[in-house]
Amino acid sequence: MTASNAPSPGGLRAAWRRLILALPPTLQCRWLSLRSRGRVARGPGSFVHRSVQILGRSGVAIGANSVVSQDCWLNVNHRFADARSIVIGANCFIGRRNFFSSGRAVVVGDFVLTANDCHFLGSTHVADDPLRPVIATGTTADDTIRVGANTFIGAGARIVGNVSIGHGSVVAAGSTVTRDVPPFSRVVGSPATVRARYSLPRRAWVAPEDFGPQDEAAIPAEADYVARLAAAGPIAMPYIAAGSDLGDC
């Protein structure tokens, strides 16, 4: 075959795609699994339930002593050579049926607890042109979700878009977070709004309007906060809550 009549790289890719799509669904999935054989970076003592689906494994990192529960889906929409796209810190418990969809990145700090059915939506389908099939237009890659250390996210909550949740915060069940949340905050609603902030000098949750400069100044830096949490000693993770096959107590 001469250079003039050799198939183009684009033509080869299209032919290969047609060949894969002609396979039965089970074989398609097996091929996709082999194609993305990267390993998830996992810290010691971490546990990922066998039902968890991870697309783009080389783009995922899970910290030490963390749990990812039954039927979660970690979806790396875009592969970036310079960074992991889904990062779950140390001593985290990710509840059942959580969904992580990364744009640029979804970063979850240490000691984060999520209840069941939480969604981290950092990427969405491109739907600019209704004359094109949305399933083929791709997904966005710009947004970063950051969840600060020791944040509790209640059942059914959704974190959407380019947002940051400060450390020591609480997101109420069923809430939708669409804008940044300051540290040591309680947010409720859809869209979520700050209903209270924790005052360290007073050791109490107070209304946002009663949270003054002294309260703000008392909030520790996140690294110092994590060190304080870690100083309390090792966390015994409730592995039994991670899947229905792990038994009853």
Protein backbone atom coordinates (compact mmCIF):
# COMPACT_ATOMS: atom_id res chain seq x y z
CA MET A 1 0.00 0.00 0.00
CA THR A 2 1.46 3.35 -1.04
CA ALA A 3 1.28 6.54 0.97
CA SER A 4 -1.27 7.95 -1.45
CA ASN A 5 -3.87 5.24 -0.87
CA ALA A 6 -3.19 4.47 2.80
CA PRO A 7 -6.22 5.04 5.02
CA SER A 8 -6.13 8.22 7.07
CA PRO A 9 -5.87 8.02 10.89
CA GLY A 10 -9.39 9.45 11.08
CA GLY A 11 -10.68 6.76 8.76
CA LEU A 12 -9.03 4.04 10.84
CA ARG A 13 -10.56 5.43 14.02
CA ALA A 14 -14.01 5.50 12.44
CA ALA A 15 -13.64 1.91 11.21
CA TRP A 16 -12.43 0.78 14.65
CA ARG A 17 -15.38 2.54 16.29
CA ARG A 18 -17.84 0.78 13.96
CA LEU A 19 -16.22 -2.55 14.79
CA ILE A 20 -16.53 -1.97 18.54
CA LEU A 21 -20.15 -0.82 18.27
CA ALA A 22 -20.98 -3.99 16.37
CA LEU A 23 -19.94 -6.12 19.36
CA PRO A 24 -22.50 -7.34 21.90
CA PRO A 25 -22.86 -4.90 24.85
CA THR A 26 -21.01 -7.21 27.26
CA LEU A 27 -17.99 -7.35 24.96
CA GLN A 28 -18.12 -3.57 24.44
CA CYS A 29 -17.90 -3.10 28.21
CA ARG A 30 -15.01 -5.55 28.45
CA TRP A 31 -13.12 -3.68 25.75
CA LEU A 32 -13.73 -0.34 27.48
CA SER A 33 -12.47 -1.82 30.74
CA LEU A 34 -9.27 -3.04 29.11
CA ARG A 35 -8.80 0.29 27.34
CA SER A 36 -8.83 2.22 30.63
CA ARG A 37 -6.68 -0.11 32.68
CA GLY A 38 -5.21 2.67 34.80
CA ARG A 39 -5.14 1.98 38.51
CA VAL A 40 -7.02 3.98 41.11
CA ALA A 41 -4.56 5.54 43.55
CA ARG A 42 -5.72 4.23 46.95
CA GLY A 43 -4.32 4.89 50.41
CA PRO A 44 -3.84 2.14 52.99
CA GLY A 45 -6.99 0.88 54.66
CA SER A 46 -9.31 2.29 52.00
CA PHE A 47 -12.35 0.25 50.92
CA VAL A 48 -14.26 0.48 47.64
CA HIS A 49 -17.37 -1.68 47.39
CA ARG A 50 -17.24 -4.15 44.52
CA SER A 51 -20.38 -2.63 42.93
CA VAL A 52 -18.75 0.80 42.49
CA GLN A 53 -18.32 1.84 38.86
CA ILE A 54 -15.29 3.96 38.02
CA LEU A 55 -14.81 5.35 34.51
CA GLY A 56 -11.34 6.74 34.03
CA ARG A 57 -9.64 4.92 36.89
CA SER A 58 -6.26 6.54 36.37
CA GLY A 59 -7.91 9.91 37.09
CA VAL A 60 -9.18 8.89 40.55
CA ALA A 61 -7.43 9.01 43.93
CA ILE A 62 -8.87 7.80 47.26
CA GLY A 63 -7.15 8.57 50.55
CA ALA A 64 -6.23 6.31 53.43
CA ASN A 65 -8.96 4.79 55.59
CA SER A 66 -11.74 6.01 53.31
CA VAL A 67 -14.85 4.12 52.20
CA VAL A 68 -16.77 4.36 48.91
CA SER A 69 -20.08 2.58 49.36
CA GLN A 70 -22.34 0.38 47.27
CA ASP A 71 -23.55 1.50 43.82
CA CYS A 72 -21.53 4.70 43.67
CA TRP A 73 -20.45 5.97 40.26
CA LEU A 74 -17.21 7.93 39.80
CA ASN A 75 -17.19 9.32 36.27
CA VAL A 76 -14.05 11.06 34.98
CA ASN A 77 -15.42 12.87 31.93
CA HIS A 78 -12.08 14.31 30.84
CA ARG A 79 -8.55 12.99 31.29
CA PHE A 80 -5.94 15.59 32.27
CA ALA A 81 -2.28 14.62 32.25
CA ASP A 82 -1.36 17.07 35.00
CA ALA A 83 -3.80 16.05 37.76
CA ARG A 84 -6.31 13.56 39.13
CA SER A 85 -9.87 14.55 38.29
CA ILE A 86 -11.72 12.94 41.23
CA VAL A 87 -9.95 13.08 44.58
CA ILE A 88 -11.44 11.76 47.83
CA GLY A 89 -9.37 12.55 50.91
CA ALA A 90 -8.45 10.45 53.92
CA ASN A 91 -10.94 9.25 56.55
CA CYS A 92 -13.95 9.90 54.31
CA PHE A 93 -17.15 7.88 54.16
CA ILE A 94 -19.00 8.18 50.85
CA GLY A 95 -22.57 6.93 51.17
CA ARG A 96 -24.43 4.62 48.83
CA ARG A 97 -25.40 5.65 45.32
CA ASN A 98 -23.30 8.81 45.29
CA PHE A 99 -22.51 10.16 41.81
CA PHE A 100 -19.32 12.07 40.98
CA SER A 101 -19.17 13.66 37.52
CA SER A 102 -15.99 15.65 37.05
CA GLY A 103 -15.42 18.62 34.79
CA ARG A 104 -11.95 19.88 35.63
CA ALA A 105 -12.00 18.21 39.06
CA VAL A 106 -14.06 17.13 42.05
CA VAL A 107 -11.93 17.37 45.19
CA VAL A 108 -13.26 16.11 48.54
CA GLY A 109 -11.23 16.97 51.63
CA ASP A 110 -10.35 14.74 54.60
CA PHE A 111 -12.99 13.56 57.11
CA VAL A 112 -15.92 14.25 54.76
CA LEU A 113 -19.12 12.29 55.35
CA THR A 114 -21.81 11.99 52.68
CA ALA A 115 -25.17 10.31 53.14
CA ASN A 116 -26.95 8.30 50.44
CA ASP A 117 -27.80 9.63 46.96
CA CYS A 118 -25.55 12.71 46.93
CA HIS A 119 -24.52 14.09 43.54
CA PHE A 120 -21.39 16.06 42.66
CA LEU A 121 -22.10 17.52 39.23
CA GLY A 122 -19.03 19.27 37.92
CA SER A 123 -19.74 18.51 34.28
CA THR A 124 -22.82 18.68 32.10
CA HIS A 125 -23.69 17.70 28.54
CA VAL A 126 -23.20 20.38 25.91
CA ALA A 127 -26.68 21.33 24.70
CA ASP A 128 -26.03 24.52 22.73
CA ASP A 129 -27.46 23.23 19.45
CA PRO A 130 -30.84 21.45 19.64
CA LEU A 131 -30.35 20.27 16.04
CA ARG A 132 -27.57 17.92 17.14
CA PRO A 133 -28.03 14.77 19.27
CA VAL A 134 -27.05 15.73 22.82
CA ILE A 135 -25.59 12.31 23.51
CA ALA A 136 -22.91 13.02 20.89
CA THR A 137 -22.01 16.65 21.69
CA GLY A 138 -19.67 15.96 24.60
CA THR A 139 -19.46 17.31 28.14
CA THR A 140 -18.08 20.45 29.76
CA ALA A 141 -14.60 20.43 31.28
CA ASP A 142 -14.16 23.75 33.10
CA ASP A 143 -15.78 23.50 36.53
CA THR A 144 -14.13 22.44 39.78
CA ILE A 145 -16.01 21.33 42.88
CA ARG A 146 -14.15 21.53 46.18
CA VAL A 147 -15.56 20.17 49.45
CA GLY A 148 -13.66 21.23 52.57
CA ALA A 149 -12.55 18.92 55.35
CA ASN A 150 -15.05 17.56 57.88
CA THR A 151 -18.06 18.59 55.84
CA PHE A 152 -21.29 16.60 56.21
CA ILE A 153 -23.50 16.37 53.13
CA GLY A 154 -27.02 15.13 53.85
CA ALA A 155 -29.04 12.60 51.87
CA GLY A 156 -30.01 13.60 48.35
CA ALA A 157 -27.98 16.82 48.31
CA ARG A 158 -26.52 18.08 45.05
CA ILE A 159 -23.38 20.11 44.49
CA VAL A 160 -23.56 21.73 41.06
CA GLY A 161 -21.07 23.65 38.95
CA ASN A 162 -17.97 25.60 39.90
CA VAL A 163 -18.41 25.80 43.68
CA SER A 164 -16.38 25.51 46.87
CA ILE A 165 -17.75 24.41 50.25
CA GLY A 166 -15.66 25.58 53.18
CA HIS A 167 -14.35 23.20 55.82
CA GLY A 168 -16.46 22.34 58.86
CA SER A 169 -19.73 22.86 57.01
CA VAL A 170 -23.08 21.06 56.87
CA VAL A 171 -25.25 20.73 53.76
CA ALA A 172 -28.81 19.81 54.68
CA ALA A 173 -30.54 16.83 53.06
CA GLY A 174 -32.12 17.61 49.71
CA SER A 175 -30.26 20.89 49.26
CA THR A 176 -28.74 22.09 45.99
CA VAL A 177 -25.49 24.01 46.32
CA THR A 178 -24.86 26.30 43.34
CA ARG A 179 -22.59 28.95 44.91
CA ASP A 180 -19.65 29.05 47.31
CA VAL A 181 -20.21 28.27 50.98
CA PRO A 182 -17.94 29.86 53.63
CA PRO A 183 -16.26 27.65 56.25
CA PHE A 184 -18.21 26.53 59.32
CA SER A 185 -21.61 27.09 57.68
CA ARG A 186 -24.96 25.34 57.63
CA VAL A 187 -26.75 25.62 54.31
CA VAL A 188 -30.31 24.62 53.47
CA GLY A 189 -32.58 24.76 50.45
CA SER A 190 -32.55 24.83 46.66
CA PRO A 191 -30.60 26.88 45.91
CA ALA A 192 -28.87 26.46 49.26
CA THR A 193 -28.45 29.50 51.48
CA VAL A 194 -26.47 29.96 54.68
CA ARG A 195 -28.77 29.61 57.68
CA ALA A 196 -26.15 29.49 60.46
CA ARG A 197 -22.41 29.69 61.11
CA TYR A 198 -20.41 28.13 63.90
CA SER A 199 -18.79 30.54 66.33
CA LEU A 200 -15.68 29.04 67.89
CA PRO A 201 -15.44 31.67 70.66
CA ARG A 202 -19.05 30.96 71.67
CA ARG A 203 -19.01 27.23 70.82
CA ALA A 204 -22.43 27.57 69.18
CA TRP A 205 -24.17 27.86 65.83
CA VAL A 206 -25.39 31.43 65.38
CA ALA A 207 -27.44 33.29 62.80
CA PRO A 208 -25.32 34.67 59.91
CA GLU A 209 -26.09 38.26 60.92
CA ASP A 210 -24.70 37.55 64.42
CA PHE A 211 -21.44 36.12 63.07
CA GLY A 212 -18.93 38.93 63.52
CA PRO A 213 -15.30 39.69 62.69
CA GLN A 214 -14.05 37.97 65.87
CA ASP A 215 -15.89 34.80 64.89
CA GLU A 216 -14.44 34.97 61.39
CA ALA A 217 -10.91 35.50 62.71
CA ALA A 218 -11.20 32.44 64.97
CA ILE A 219 -11.76 30.03 62.06
CA PRO A 220 -8.60 27.93 61.66
CA ALA A 221 -6.87 27.36 58.35
CA GLU A 222 -7.99 24.10 56.80
CA ALA A 223 -4.62 22.39 57.24
CA ASP A 224 -4.57 23.27 60.95
CA TYR A 225 -8.18 22.09 61.26
CA VAL A 226 -7.33 18.71 59.69
CA ALA A 227 -4.34 18.32 62.01
CA ARG A 228 -6.61 18.95 64.99
CA LEU A 229 -9.11 16.36 63.77
CA ALA A 230 -6.37 13.81 63.16
CA ALA A 231 -4.95 14.35 66.64
CA ALA A 232 -8.12 12.81 68.09
CA GLY A 233 -6.86 9.39 66.97
CA PRO A 234 -7.73 6.84 64.29
CA ILE A 235 -11.27 6.63 62.94
CA ALA A 236 -13.02 3.24 63.05
CA MET A 237 -14.92 3.30 59.76
CA PRO A 238 -18.41 1.71 59.75
CA TYR A 239 -17.61 -0.63 56.84
CA ILE A 240 -20.79 -2.62 57.49
CA ALA A 241 -22.82 0.37 56.30
CA ALA A 242 -21.07 0.41 52.93
CA GLY A 243 -23.06 -2.42 51.33
CA SER A 244 -26.04 -4.68 51.81
CA ASP A 245 -23.81 -7.74 51.37
CA LEU A 246 -21.64 -6.89 54.35
CA GLY A 247 -24.04 -8.24 56.95
CA ASP A 248 -26.25 -6.99 59.75
CA CYS A 249 -25.44 -6.12 63.32
